[in-house]
């Protein structure tokens, strides 16, 4: 890989469709070197895709450790062996402790299937429909100690249709996730994006004032 490529590690727990989108984006110019895909579940379907794509894979099974701290210590050791500049959570279904988050502060990102700060946590599409919102979407954010509360980097917004179900809404949101996650990673790889204090900065300005047209911070 070229020295200009940002080394990244991707964490998954299941199918890893956002990881797949990042792998595909890397094939067509996203300037990253995907050093490894790591899962906390040995049966994660995304591991097979990554291996077939030539990406090294590892399993750090959280059930094999007596505590979350022990698991996260082993996970951190595995991540650090690949010396990533960015750690990408792509459907990683474990809440990470404060010490782990601080260890990677400013280089740990996540994607969430809702327009944060609305609907943190699970079952976002059902909750959005039950709340009768007119818009829904996805958010890429820096990870901080509070779950799904880190500074938002970019969001994709879609309308909620009257006949919508949680399944149709999830599918439409997922399409947007696959679009905005590689974009956010590109900004970071190009040195345009950083975390300063509790603010995401793009081109040295808060993302709300600097996002390109068509991208919703």
N, C-alpha and C. Protein backbone atom coordinates (compact mmCIF):
# COMPACT_ATOMS: atom_id res chain seq x y z
N UNK A 1 0.83 -1.20 0.00
CA UNK A 1 0.00 0.00 0.00
C UNK A 1 0.87 1.26 0.00
N UNK A 2 0.35 2.31 -0.58
CA UNK A 2 1.05 3.59 -0.59
C UNK A 2 1.15 4.14 0.81
N UNK A 3 2.27 4.88 1.08
CA UNK A 3 2.45 5.49 2.39
C UNK A 3 1.38 6.53 2.66
N UNK A 4 0.72 7.03 1.61
CA UNK A 4 -0.31 8.05 1.78
C UNK A 4 -1.61 7.46 2.31
N UNK A 5 -1.71 6.14 2.33
CA UNK A 5 -2.95 5.52 2.78
C UNK A 5 -3.00 5.46 4.31
N UNK A 6 -4.15 5.80 4.86
CA UNK A 6 -4.33 5.76 6.31
C UNK A 6 -4.54 4.33 6.77
N UNK A 7 -3.72 3.84 7.69
CA UNK A 7 -3.96 2.49 8.22
C UNK A 7 -5.17 2.48 9.15
N UNK A 8 -6.09 1.56 8.91
CA UNK A 8 -7.28 1.48 9.75
C UNK A 8 -7.51 0.03 10.17
N UNK A 9 -8.20 -0.13 11.29
CA UNK A 9 -8.71 -1.42 11.75
C UNK A 9 -10.22 -1.27 11.88
N UNK A 10 -10.96 -2.26 11.41
CA UNK A 10 -12.42 -2.23 11.45
C UNK A 10 -12.90 -3.30 12.42
N UNK A 11 -13.81 -2.92 13.31
CA UNK A 11 -14.39 -3.84 14.27
C UNK A 11 -15.83 -4.16 13.89
N UNK A 12 -16.17 -5.45 13.86
CA UNK A 12 -17.52 -5.88 13.50
C UNK A 12 -18.01 -6.91 14.51
N UNK A 13 -19.32 -7.15 14.48
CA UNK A 13 -19.90 -8.23 15.28
C UNK A 13 -20.76 -9.17 14.46
N UNK A 14 -21.11 -8.79 13.24
CA UNK A 14 -22.03 -9.59 12.44
C UNK A 14 -21.69 -9.56 10.96
N UNK A 15 -22.70 -9.21 10.17
CA UNK A 15 -22.56 -9.24 8.72
C UNK A 15 -21.52 -8.26 8.22
N UNK A 16 -21.43 -7.11 8.87
CA UNK A 16 -20.39 -6.16 8.51
C UNK A 16 -20.62 -5.45 7.19
N UNK A 17 -21.86 -5.06 6.92
CA UNK A 17 -22.13 -4.44 5.62
C UNK A 17 -21.42 -3.10 5.46
N UNK A 18 -21.26 -2.35 6.55
CA UNK A 18 -20.51 -1.10 6.44
C UNK A 18 -19.02 -1.38 6.21
N UNK A 19 -18.51 -2.43 6.83
CA UNK A 19 -17.14 -2.84 6.54
C UNK A 19 -17.00 -3.19 5.06
N UNK A 20 -17.97 -3.90 4.52
CA UNK A 20 -17.94 -4.25 3.10
C UNK A 20 -17.91 -3.00 2.23
N UNK A 21 -18.71 -2.01 2.60
CA UNK A 21 -18.74 -0.76 1.84
C UNK A 21 -17.39 -0.06 1.88
N UNK A 22 -16.71 -0.13 3.03
CA UNK A 22 -15.40 0.50 3.16
C UNK A 22 -14.36 -0.26 2.33
N UNK A 23 -14.42 -1.60 2.35
CA UNK A 23 -13.51 -2.40 1.52
C UNK A 23 -13.71 -2.06 0.05
N UNK A 24 -14.96 -1.99 -0.38
CA UNK A 24 -15.24 -1.67 -1.78
C UNK A 24 -14.77 -0.26 -2.12
N UNK A 25 -14.96 0.69 -1.20
CA UNK A 25 -14.51 2.06 -1.45
C UNK A 25 -13.00 2.12 -1.55
N UNK A 26 -12.30 1.32 -0.75
CA UNK A 26 -10.84 1.29 -0.81
C UNK A 26 -10.35 0.77 -2.15
N UNK A 27 -11.13 -0.10 -2.76
CA UNK A 27 -10.76 -0.65 -4.07
C UNK A 27 -10.84 0.40 -5.17
N UNK A 28 -11.64 1.42 -4.94
CA UNK A 28 -11.85 2.44 -5.99
C UNK A 28 -11.35 3.82 -5.55
N UNK A 29 -10.41 3.84 -4.61
CA UNK A 29 -9.75 5.11 -4.35
C UNK A 29 -9.81 5.67 -2.95
N UNK A 30 -10.59 5.08 -2.04
CA UNK A 30 -10.55 5.56 -0.66
C UNK A 30 -9.15 5.34 -0.12
N UNK A 31 -8.46 6.40 0.35
CA UNK A 31 -7.04 6.27 0.69
C UNK A 31 -6.78 5.65 2.06
N UNK A 32 -7.16 4.38 2.20
CA UNK A 32 -6.95 3.67 3.45
C UNK A 32 -6.27 2.33 3.18
N UNK A 33 -5.54 1.87 4.17
CA UNK A 33 -4.96 0.53 4.20
C UNK A 33 -5.69 -0.22 5.31
N UNK A 34 -6.59 -1.12 4.94
CA UNK A 34 -7.37 -1.84 5.94
C UNK A 34 -6.47 -2.95 6.49
N UNK A 35 -5.88 -2.67 7.64
CA UNK A 35 -4.88 -3.58 8.20
C UNK A 35 -5.52 -4.85 8.76
N UNK A 36 -6.75 -4.74 9.28
CA UNK A 36 -7.40 -5.92 9.86
C UNK A 36 -8.88 -5.65 10.07
N UNK A 37 -9.66 -6.73 10.06
CA UNK A 37 -11.04 -6.73 10.52
C UNK A 37 -11.08 -7.65 11.74
N UNK A 38 -11.53 -7.10 12.87
CA UNK A 38 -11.57 -7.84 14.13
C UNK A 38 -13.01 -7.95 14.59
N UNK A 39 -13.40 -9.14 15.02
CA UNK A 39 -14.75 -9.37 15.52
C UNK A 39 -14.71 -9.92 16.93
N UNK A 40 -15.72 -9.59 17.70
CA UNK A 40 -15.89 -10.18 19.03
C UNK A 40 -16.70 -11.47 18.96
N UNK A 41 -17.14 -11.84 17.75
CA UNK A 41 -17.93 -13.06 17.57
C UNK A 41 -17.28 -13.95 16.51
N UNK A 42 -16.97 -15.18 16.84
CA UNK A 42 -16.34 -16.05 15.86
C UNK A 42 -17.23 -16.41 14.68
N UNK A 43 -18.56 -16.27 14.86
CA UNK A 43 -19.48 -16.61 13.78
C UNK A 43 -19.90 -15.40 12.95
N UNK A 44 -19.22 -14.28 13.11
CA UNK A 44 -19.58 -13.07 12.36
C UNK A 44 -19.40 -13.32 10.87
N UNK A 45 -20.47 -13.13 10.10
CA UNK A 45 -20.42 -13.42 8.67
C UNK A 45 -19.44 -12.53 7.93
N UNK A 46 -19.22 -11.33 8.44
CA UNK A 46 -18.32 -10.41 7.75
C UNK A 46 -16.88 -10.88 7.71
N UNK A 47 -16.50 -11.78 8.60
CA UNK A 47 -15.13 -12.28 8.61
C UNK A 47 -14.80 -13.00 7.31
N UNK A 48 -15.75 -13.75 6.78
CA UNK A 48 -15.53 -14.45 5.53
C UNK A 48 -15.34 -13.51 4.37
N UNK A 49 -16.14 -12.44 4.33
CA UNK A 49 -15.99 -11.45 3.26
C UNK A 49 -14.61 -10.80 3.34
N UNK A 50 -14.21 -10.40 4.54
CA UNK A 50 -12.91 -9.74 4.69
C UNK A 50 -11.78 -10.66 4.26
N UNK A 51 -11.82 -11.91 4.71
CA UNK A 51 -10.76 -12.85 4.35
C UNK A 51 -10.70 -13.05 2.84
N UNK A 52 -11.86 -13.14 2.20
CA UNK A 52 -11.91 -13.32 0.75
C UNK A 52 -11.36 -12.10 0.02
N UNK A 53 -11.46 -10.95 0.66
CA UNK A 53 -10.94 -9.71 0.08
C UNK A 53 -9.46 -9.52 0.37
N UNK A 54 -8.86 -10.46 1.07
CA UNK A 54 -7.44 -10.38 1.37
C UNK A 54 -7.10 -9.55 2.59
N UNK A 55 -8.10 -9.27 3.43
CA UNK A 55 -7.88 -8.49 4.64
C UNK A 55 -7.65 -9.43 5.82
N UNK A 56 -6.59 -9.25 6.60
CA UNK A 56 -6.38 -10.10 7.77
C UNK A 56 -7.55 -9.99 8.74
N UNK A 57 -7.91 -11.09 9.36
CA UNK A 57 -9.01 -11.11 10.32
C UNK A 57 -8.55 -11.71 11.64
N UNK A 58 -9.21 -11.27 12.71
CA UNK A 58 -8.97 -11.83 14.05
C UNK A 58 -10.29 -11.91 14.78
N UNK A 59 -10.36 -12.83 15.72
CA UNK A 59 -11.50 -12.93 16.62
C UNK A 59 -11.00 -12.75 18.05
N UNK A 60 -11.58 -11.79 18.75
CA UNK A 60 -11.36 -11.63 20.18
C UNK A 60 -12.73 -11.85 20.82
N UNK A 61 -13.01 -13.08 21.18
CA UNK A 61 -14.34 -13.50 21.63
C UNK A 61 -14.58 -12.98 23.05
N UNK A 62 -15.54 -12.07 23.18
CA UNK A 62 -15.77 -11.46 24.49
C UNK A 62 -16.23 -12.49 25.52
N UNK A 63 -16.81 -13.60 25.08
CA UNK A 63 -17.29 -14.60 26.04
C UNK A 63 -16.14 -15.41 26.66
N UNK A 64 -14.95 -15.25 26.12
CA UNK A 64 -13.80 -15.99 26.64
C UNK A 64 -13.09 -15.26 27.78
N UNK A 65 -13.61 -14.09 28.16
CA UNK A 65 -12.93 -13.28 29.17
C UNK A 65 -13.82 -13.11 30.40
N UNK A 66 -13.24 -13.06 31.58
CA UNK A 66 -14.04 -12.98 32.80
C UNK A 66 -14.66 -11.61 33.04
N UNK A 67 -14.16 -10.58 32.38
CA UNK A 67 -14.69 -9.24 32.60
C UNK A 67 -14.57 -8.41 31.33
N UNK A 68 -15.32 -7.32 31.30
CA UNK A 68 -15.22 -6.41 30.16
C UNK A 68 -13.83 -5.81 30.08
N UNK A 69 -13.24 -5.52 31.23
CA UNK A 69 -11.90 -4.94 31.24
C UNK A 69 -10.88 -5.89 30.62
N UNK A 70 -10.98 -7.18 30.94
CA UNK A 70 -10.06 -8.16 30.36
C UNK A 70 -10.26 -8.27 28.85
N UNK A 71 -11.51 -8.30 28.43
CA UNK A 71 -11.80 -8.34 26.99
C UNK A 71 -11.23 -7.13 26.28
N UNK A 72 -11.47 -5.95 26.83
CA UNK A 72 -11.02 -4.74 26.16
C UNK A 72 -9.50 -4.62 26.17
N UNK A 73 -8.85 -5.16 27.18
CA UNK A 73 -7.39 -5.18 27.19
C UNK A 73 -6.87 -6.03 26.03
N UNK A 74 -7.47 -7.21 25.86
CA UNK A 74 -7.06 -8.08 24.76
C UNK A 74 -7.40 -7.47 23.41
N UNK A 75 -8.56 -6.82 23.32
CA UNK A 75 -8.95 -6.18 22.07
C UNK A 75 -7.98 -5.06 21.73
N UNK A 76 -7.63 -4.25 22.71
CA UNK A 76 -6.69 -3.16 22.48
C UNK A 76 -5.32 -3.67 22.03
N UNK A 77 -4.88 -4.76 22.63
CA UNK A 77 -3.60 -5.34 22.22
C UNK A 77 -3.65 -5.80 20.77
N UNK A 78 -4.77 -6.42 20.38
CA UNK A 78 -4.93 -6.88 19.00
C UNK A 78 -4.94 -5.70 18.03
N UNK A 79 -5.69 -4.66 18.38
CA UNK A 79 -5.75 -3.48 17.53
C UNK A 79 -4.37 -2.86 17.36
N UNK A 80 -3.66 -2.70 18.46
CA UNK A 80 -2.39 -1.99 18.43
C UNK A 80 -1.32 -2.73 17.64
N UNK A 81 -1.45 -4.04 17.49
CA UNK A 81 -0.49 -4.78 16.66
C UNK A 81 -0.50 -4.30 15.21
N UNK A 82 -1.63 -3.72 14.79
CA UNK A 82 -1.75 -3.24 13.41
C UNK A 82 -1.47 -1.75 13.28
N UNK A 83 -1.19 -1.08 14.39
CA UNK A 83 -0.81 0.34 14.41
C UNK A 83 -1.73 1.21 13.55
N UNK A 84 -3.04 1.18 13.82
CA UNK A 84 -3.95 1.96 12.98
C UNK A 84 -3.93 3.45 13.33
N UNK A 85 -4.18 4.27 12.33
CA UNK A 85 -4.40 5.68 12.57
C UNK A 85 -5.85 5.97 12.91
N UNK A 86 -6.74 5.01 12.59
CA UNK A 86 -8.17 5.17 12.85
C UNK A 86 -8.76 3.79 13.14
N UNK A 87 -9.62 3.73 14.17
CA UNK A 87 -10.35 2.51 14.49
C UNK A 87 -11.81 2.75 14.15
N UNK A 88 -12.36 1.87 13.32
CA UNK A 88 -13.69 2.07 12.73
C UNK A 88 -14.64 1.02 13.28
N UNK A 89 -15.66 1.45 14.01
CA UNK A 89 -16.70 0.55 14.49
C UNK A 89 -17.77 0.42 13.41
N UNK A 90 -17.97 -0.80 12.95
CA UNK A 90 -18.91 -1.04 11.85
C UNK A 90 -19.86 -2.17 12.26
N UNK A 91 -20.85 -1.82 13.06
CA UNK A 91 -21.73 -2.84 13.59
C UNK A 91 -21.07 -3.65 14.68
N UNK A 92 -20.27 -2.99 15.50
CA UNK A 92 -19.60 -3.64 16.64
C UNK A 92 -20.53 -3.51 17.83
N UNK A 93 -21.13 -4.62 18.24
CA UNK A 93 -22.24 -4.58 19.19
C UNK A 93 -21.79 -4.82 20.64
N UNK A 94 -20.77 -4.10 21.04
CA UNK A 94 -20.32 -4.12 22.42
C UNK A 94 -20.15 -2.68 22.89
N UNK A 95 -20.68 -2.37 24.06
CA UNK A 95 -20.44 -1.06 24.66
C UNK A 95 -19.01 -1.04 25.18
N UNK A 96 -18.25 -0.04 24.77
CA UNK A 96 -16.84 0.05 25.13
C UNK A 96 -16.66 0.94 26.36
N UNK A 97 -15.82 0.50 27.28
CA UNK A 97 -15.61 1.23 28.52
C UNK A 97 -14.83 2.52 28.33
N UNK A 98 -14.88 3.35 29.35
CA UNK A 98 -14.28 4.68 29.26
C UNK A 98 -12.77 4.61 29.03
N UNK A 99 -12.08 3.69 29.68
CA UNK A 99 -10.63 3.59 29.49
C UNK A 99 -10.29 3.24 28.05
N UNK A 100 -11.03 2.32 27.47
CA UNK A 100 -10.79 1.93 26.08
C UNK A 100 -11.03 3.12 25.15
N UNK A 101 -12.13 3.81 25.36
CA UNK A 101 -12.47 4.95 24.51
C UNK A 101 -11.40 6.03 24.61
N UNK A 102 -10.95 6.32 25.82
CA UNK A 102 -9.91 7.34 25.99
C UNK A 102 -8.61 6.94 25.30
N UNK A 103 -8.34 5.65 25.29
CA UNK A 103 -7.11 5.15 24.64
C UNK A 103 -7.05 5.52 23.16
N UNK A 104 -8.23 5.56 22.52
CA UNK A 104 -8.29 5.85 21.08
C UNK A 104 -9.00 7.16 20.77
N UNK A 105 -9.10 8.02 21.75
CA UNK A 105 -9.84 9.27 21.57
C UNK A 105 -9.31 10.05 20.37
N UNK A 106 -10.22 10.50 19.56
CA UNK A 106 -9.86 11.27 18.37
C UNK A 106 -9.55 10.41 17.16
N UNK A 107 -9.47 9.09 17.36
CA UNK A 107 -9.24 8.19 16.22
C UNK A 107 -10.11 6.93 16.34
N UNK A 108 -11.30 7.13 16.91
CA UNK A 108 -12.28 6.07 17.06
C UNK A 108 -13.63 6.61 16.59
N UNK A 109 -14.19 5.99 15.55
CA UNK A 109 -15.44 6.49 14.97
C UNK A 109 -16.47 5.37 14.89
N UNK A 110 -17.73 5.78 14.81
CA UNK A 110 -18.85 4.84 14.78
C UNK A 110 -19.91 5.38 13.84
N UNK A 111 -20.75 4.47 13.36
CA UNK A 111 -21.93 4.90 12.60
C UNK A 111 -23.16 4.39 13.32
N UNK A 112 -24.16 5.25 13.40
CA UNK A 112 -25.38 4.94 14.16
C UNK A 112 -26.59 5.16 13.27
N UNK A 113 -27.55 4.22 13.26
CA UNK A 113 -28.70 4.32 12.36
C UNK A 113 -29.81 5.21 12.90
N UNK A 114 -29.49 6.47 13.11
CA UNK A 114 -30.47 7.48 13.52
C UNK A 114 -29.81 8.84 13.40
N UNK A 115 -30.63 9.87 13.48
CA UNK A 115 -30.12 11.24 13.43
C UNK A 115 -29.84 11.68 14.87
N UNK A 116 -28.66 11.33 15.33
CA UNK A 116 -28.27 11.71 16.68
C UNK A 116 -28.38 13.23 16.87
N UNK A 117 -28.78 13.69 18.04
CA UNK A 117 -28.92 12.94 19.29
C UNK A 117 -30.23 12.16 19.46
N UNK A 118 -31.08 12.13 18.42
CA UNK A 118 -32.31 11.35 18.51
C UNK A 118 -32.00 9.86 18.46
N UNK A 119 -32.70 9.10 19.26
CA UNK A 119 -32.69 7.64 19.23
C UNK A 119 -31.31 7.00 19.36
N UNK A 120 -30.59 7.32 20.43
CA UNK A 120 -29.38 6.55 20.71
C UNK A 120 -29.77 5.13 21.12
N UNK A 121 -28.80 4.22 21.07
CA UNK A 121 -29.09 2.85 21.49
C UNK A 121 -29.66 2.00 20.38
N UNK A 122 -30.49 1.01 20.76
CA UNK A 122 -30.97 -0.01 19.83
C UNK A 122 -32.38 0.29 19.34
N UNK A 123 -32.82 -0.51 18.36
CA UNK A 123 -34.19 -0.45 17.81
C UNK A 123 -34.55 0.94 17.31
N UNK A 124 -33.61 1.57 16.64
CA UNK A 124 -33.82 2.97 16.24
C UNK A 124 -34.95 3.15 15.25
N UNK A 125 -35.11 2.22 14.31
CA UNK A 125 -36.12 2.39 13.27
C UNK A 125 -37.52 2.23 13.83
N UNK A 126 -37.73 1.24 14.67
CA UNK A 126 -39.03 1.07 15.32
C UNK A 126 -39.36 2.29 16.17
N UNK A 127 -38.39 2.76 16.92
CA UNK A 127 -38.63 3.91 17.80
C UNK A 127 -38.92 5.17 16.98
N UNK A 128 -38.25 5.31 15.84
CA UNK A 128 -38.52 6.47 14.98
C UNK A 128 -39.96 6.43 14.47
N UNK A 129 -40.41 5.26 14.05
CA UNK A 129 -41.78 5.15 13.55
C UNK A 129 -42.79 5.39 14.66
N UNK A 130 -42.52 4.86 15.83
CA UNK A 130 -43.44 5.06 16.96
C UNK A 130 -43.52 6.52 17.37
N UNK A 131 -42.45 7.28 17.09
CA UNK A 131 -42.43 8.70 17.44
C UNK A 131 -42.99 9.58 16.33
N UNK A 132 -43.38 8.97 15.21
CA UNK A 132 -44.00 9.69 14.09
C UNK A 132 -43.11 10.81 13.54
N UNK A 133 -41.81 10.56 13.51
CA UNK A 133 -40.91 11.56 12.94
C UNK A 133 -41.07 11.61 11.43
N UNK A 134 -40.79 12.75 10.86
CA UNK A 134 -40.88 12.90 9.40
C UNK A 134 -39.56 12.64 8.71
N UNK A 135 -38.46 12.71 9.48
CA UNK A 135 -37.13 12.44 8.95
C UNK A 135 -36.42 11.43 9.83
N UNK A 136 -35.60 10.64 9.18
CA UNK A 136 -34.78 9.66 9.89
C UNK A 136 -33.46 9.60 9.13
N UNK A 137 -32.52 8.79 9.59
CA UNK A 137 -31.27 8.73 8.85
C UNK A 137 -30.18 8.05 9.63
N UNK A 138 -28.95 8.48 9.34
CA UNK A 138 -27.76 7.87 9.94
C UNK A 138 -26.77 8.95 10.30
N UNK A 139 -25.93 8.65 11.30
CA UNK A 139 -24.93 9.60 11.78
C UNK A 139 -23.59 8.91 11.93
N UNK A 140 -22.53 9.54 11.44
CA UNK A 140 -21.17 9.13 11.76
C UNK A 140 -20.69 10.08 12.85
N UNK A 141 -20.07 9.51 13.90
CA UNK A 141 -19.64 10.35 15.01
C UNK A 141 -18.34 9.83 15.61
N UNK A 142 -17.60 10.73 16.22
CA UNK A 142 -16.48 10.32 17.06
C UNK A 142 -17.04 9.63 18.30
N UNK A 143 -16.35 8.60 18.76
CA UNK A 143 -16.79 7.87 19.94
C UNK A 143 -16.19 8.52 21.18
N UNK A 144 -17.06 8.81 22.14
CA UNK A 144 -16.64 9.32 23.44
C UNK A 144 -17.20 8.41 24.52
N UNK A 145 -16.96 8.75 25.78
CA UNK A 145 -17.31 7.84 26.87
C UNK A 145 -18.80 7.56 26.96
N UNK A 146 -19.64 8.52 26.63
CA UNK A 146 -21.08 8.30 26.68
C UNK A 146 -21.56 7.67 25.37
N UNK A 147 -22.34 6.61 25.47
CA UNK A 147 -22.75 5.84 24.29
C UNK A 147 -23.57 6.72 23.32
N UNK A 148 -23.15 6.70 22.05
CA UNK A 148 -23.85 7.40 20.96
C UNK A 148 -24.00 8.90 21.22
N UNK A 149 -23.07 9.47 21.97
CA UNK A 149 -23.17 10.89 22.30
C UNK A 149 -21.96 11.69 21.84
N UNK A 150 -21.05 11.07 21.10
CA UNK A 150 -19.88 11.78 20.63
C UNK A 150 -20.21 12.78 19.54
N UNK A 151 -19.31 13.72 19.27
CA UNK A 151 -19.56 14.76 18.26
C UNK A 151 -19.86 14.16 16.89
N UNK A 152 -20.96 14.63 16.31
CA UNK A 152 -21.38 14.15 14.99
C UNK A 152 -20.46 14.72 13.92
N UNK A 153 -20.07 13.86 12.98
CA UNK A 153 -19.22 14.25 11.86
C UNK A 153 -20.06 14.55 10.62
N UNK A 154 -20.99 13.66 10.32
CA UNK A 154 -21.83 13.81 9.13
C UNK A 154 -23.09 12.99 9.33
N UNK A 155 -24.19 13.47 8.75
CA UNK A 155 -25.45 12.75 8.79
C UNK A 155 -26.06 12.67 7.40
N UNK A 156 -26.83 11.63 7.18
CA UNK A 156 -27.65 11.50 5.98
C UNK A 156 -29.11 11.48 6.42
N UNK A 157 -29.92 12.29 5.78
CA UNK A 157 -31.33 12.41 6.16
C UNK A 157 -32.21 11.86 5.05
N UNK A 158 -33.24 11.11 5.43
CA UNK A 158 -34.22 10.61 4.47
C UNK A 158 -35.62 10.87 5.02
N UNK A 159 -36.61 11.05 4.13
CA UNK A 159 -37.98 11.20 4.61
C UNK A 159 -38.54 9.87 5.08
N UNK A 160 -39.45 9.94 6.02
CA UNK A 160 -40.17 8.75 6.49
C UNK A 160 -41.53 8.75 5.80
N UNK A 161 -41.81 7.70 5.03
CA UNK A 161 -43.04 7.62 4.26
C UNK A 161 -44.19 7.08 5.11
N UNK A 162 -45.43 7.44 4.77
CA UNK A 162 -46.58 6.99 5.57
C UNK A 162 -46.70 5.48 5.68
N UNK A 163 -46.32 4.76 4.61
CA UNK A 163 -46.48 3.30 4.61
C UNK A 163 -45.24 2.58 5.13
N UNK A 164 -44.32 3.32 5.72
CA UNK A 164 -43.02 2.77 6.13
C UNK A 164 -43.16 1.69 7.19
N UNK A 165 -42.30 0.68 7.09
CA UNK A 165 -42.14 -0.29 8.17
C UNK A 165 -40.71 -0.18 8.69
N UNK A 166 -40.45 -0.79 9.84
CA UNK A 166 -39.09 -0.77 10.38
C UNK A 166 -38.11 -1.41 9.41
N UNK A 167 -38.58 -2.43 8.68
CA UNK A 167 -37.70 -3.13 7.75
C UNK A 167 -37.37 -2.27 6.53
N UNK A 168 -38.37 -1.61 5.96
CA UNK A 168 -38.10 -0.77 4.79
C UNK A 168 -37.27 0.44 5.19
N UNK A 169 -37.54 0.98 6.35
CA UNK A 169 -36.77 2.13 6.81
C UNK A 169 -35.32 1.74 7.06
N UNK A 170 -35.11 0.58 7.67
CA UNK A 170 -33.75 0.10 7.93
C UNK A 170 -32.97 -0.06 6.63
N UNK A 171 -33.62 -0.60 5.61
CA UNK A 171 -32.93 -0.82 4.33
C UNK A 171 -32.55 0.50 3.68
N UNK A 172 -33.42 1.47 3.75
CA UNK A 172 -33.14 2.78 3.14
C UNK A 172 -32.05 3.52 3.92
N UNK A 173 -32.07 3.41 5.24
CA UNK A 173 -31.02 4.03 6.05
C UNK A 173 -29.68 3.37 5.78
N UNK A 174 -29.67 2.05 5.64
CA UNK A 174 -28.41 1.34 5.42
C UNK A 174 -27.74 1.79 4.12
N UNK A 175 -28.52 2.07 3.10
CA UNK A 175 -27.95 2.59 1.86
C UNK A 175 -27.20 3.89 2.11
N UNK A 176 -27.76 4.73 2.96
CA UNK A 176 -27.11 6.00 3.28
C UNK A 176 -25.86 5.79 4.14
N UNK A 177 -25.91 4.82 5.05
CA UNK A 177 -24.73 4.51 5.85
C UNK A 177 -23.55 4.17 4.96
N UNK A 178 -23.81 3.37 3.94
CA UNK A 178 -22.74 2.94 3.04
C UNK A 178 -22.18 4.10 2.23
N UNK A 179 -22.93 5.16 2.13
CA UNK A 179 -22.46 6.35 1.41
C UNK A 179 -21.65 7.28 2.31
N UNK A 180 -22.13 7.52 3.53
CA UNK A 180 -21.49 8.56 4.35
C UNK A 180 -20.31 8.06 5.16
N UNK A 181 -20.27 6.76 5.48
CA UNK A 181 -19.15 6.28 6.29
C UNK A 181 -17.83 6.38 5.53
N UNK A 182 -17.75 5.89 4.29
CA UNK A 182 -16.51 6.10 3.54
C UNK A 182 -16.15 7.57 3.36
N UNK A 183 -17.16 8.43 3.25
CA UNK A 183 -16.88 9.86 3.10
C UNK A 183 -16.20 10.42 4.34
N UNK A 184 -16.74 10.08 5.51
CA UNK A 184 -16.13 10.56 6.75
C UNK A 184 -14.71 10.03 6.92
N UNK A 185 -14.51 8.77 6.57
CA UNK A 185 -13.17 8.18 6.66
C UNK A 185 -12.22 8.87 5.69
N UNK A 186 -12.70 9.21 4.51
CA UNK A 186 -11.87 9.93 3.55
C UNK A 186 -11.41 11.27 4.12
N UNK A 187 -12.33 12.01 4.74
CA UNK A 187 -11.95 13.29 5.34
C UNK A 187 -10.84 13.11 6.36
N UNK A 188 -10.98 12.07 7.19
CA UNK A 188 -9.97 11.81 8.22
C UNK A 188 -8.65 11.43 7.56
N UNK A 189 -8.70 10.57 6.57
CA UNK A 189 -7.49 10.11 5.89
C UNK A 189 -6.76 11.25 5.20
N UNK A 190 -7.51 12.21 4.72
CA UNK A 190 -6.92 13.35 4.02
C UNK A 190 -6.45 14.45 4.97
N UNK A 191 -6.60 14.20 6.28
CA UNK A 191 -6.17 15.18 7.26
C UNK A 191 -7.10 16.37 7.41
N UNK A 192 -8.30 16.25 6.91
CA UNK A 192 -9.26 17.36 6.96
C UNK A 192 -10.15 17.32 8.19
N UNK A 193 -10.24 16.15 8.83
CA UNK A 193 -11.17 15.94 9.94
C UNK A 193 -10.40 15.62 11.20
N UNK A 194 -10.82 16.25 12.31
CA UNK A 194 -10.21 15.91 13.59
C UNK A 194 -11.19 16.22 14.72
N UNK A 195 -10.89 15.64 15.88
CA UNK A 195 -11.64 15.93 17.09
C UNK A 195 -10.83 16.89 17.94
N UNK A 196 -11.44 18.01 18.30
CA UNK A 196 -10.78 18.98 19.18
C UNK A 196 -11.71 19.27 20.33
N UNK A 197 -11.29 18.87 21.54
CA UNK A 197 -12.20 18.99 22.68
C UNK A 197 -13.39 18.08 22.46
N UNK A 198 -14.56 18.65 22.42
CA UNK A 198 -15.77 17.88 22.13
C UNK A 198 -16.44 18.37 20.86
N UNK A 199 -15.61 18.75 19.90
CA UNK A 199 -16.12 19.30 18.64
C UNK A 199 -15.41 18.62 17.47
N UNK A 200 -16.18 18.16 16.51
CA UNK A 200 -15.60 17.65 15.27
C UNK A 200 -15.33 18.83 14.34
N UNK A 201 -14.10 18.90 13.87
CA UNK A 201 -13.69 19.98 12.97
C UNK A 201 -13.38 19.41 11.61
N UNK A 202 -13.93 20.04 10.57
CA UNK A 202 -13.65 19.70 9.18
C UNK A 202 -13.07 20.94 8.52
N UNK A 203 -11.86 20.79 7.98
CA UNK A 203 -11.15 21.94 7.41
C UNK A 203 -11.04 23.07 8.43
N UNK A 204 -10.76 22.69 9.69
CA UNK A 204 -10.52 23.60 10.80
C UNK A 204 -11.75 24.39 11.24
N UNK A 205 -12.91 23.96 10.79
CA UNK A 205 -14.16 24.62 11.20
C UNK A 205 -15.13 23.59 11.73
N UNK A 206 -16.01 23.98 12.65
CA UNK A 206 -17.04 23.04 13.10
C UNK A 206 -17.80 22.48 11.91
N UNK A 207 -18.10 21.20 11.94
CA UNK A 207 -18.69 20.55 10.76
C UNK A 207 -19.99 21.21 10.33
N UNK A 208 -20.73 21.79 11.25
CA UNK A 208 -22.00 22.43 10.89
C UNK A 208 -21.81 23.55 9.90
N UNK A 209 -20.63 24.18 9.91
CA UNK A 209 -20.41 25.32 9.00
C UNK A 209 -19.51 24.99 7.84
N UNK A 210 -18.98 23.74 7.78
CA UNK A 210 -17.99 23.46 6.76
C UNK A 210 -18.32 22.25 5.89
N UNK A 211 -19.45 21.58 6.14
CA UNK A 211 -19.76 20.40 5.35
C UNK A 211 -20.09 20.78 3.92
N UNK A 212 -19.63 19.98 2.95
CA UNK A 212 -19.94 20.26 1.55
C UNK A 212 -21.43 20.20 1.29
N UNK A 213 -21.86 20.85 0.21
CA UNK A 213 -23.27 20.83 -0.16
C UNK A 213 -23.76 19.40 -0.34
N UNK A 214 -24.96 19.13 0.14
CA UNK A 214 -25.54 17.81 0.00
C UNK A 214 -25.22 16.88 1.15
N UNK A 215 -24.36 17.30 2.05
CA UNK A 215 -24.00 16.50 3.22
C UNK A 215 -24.50 17.22 4.45
N UNK A 216 -25.23 16.52 5.30
CA UNK A 216 -25.85 17.16 6.45
C UNK A 216 -25.06 16.89 7.72
N UNK A 217 -24.42 17.93 8.29
CA UNK A 217 -23.74 17.74 9.58
C UNK A 217 -24.74 17.70 10.73
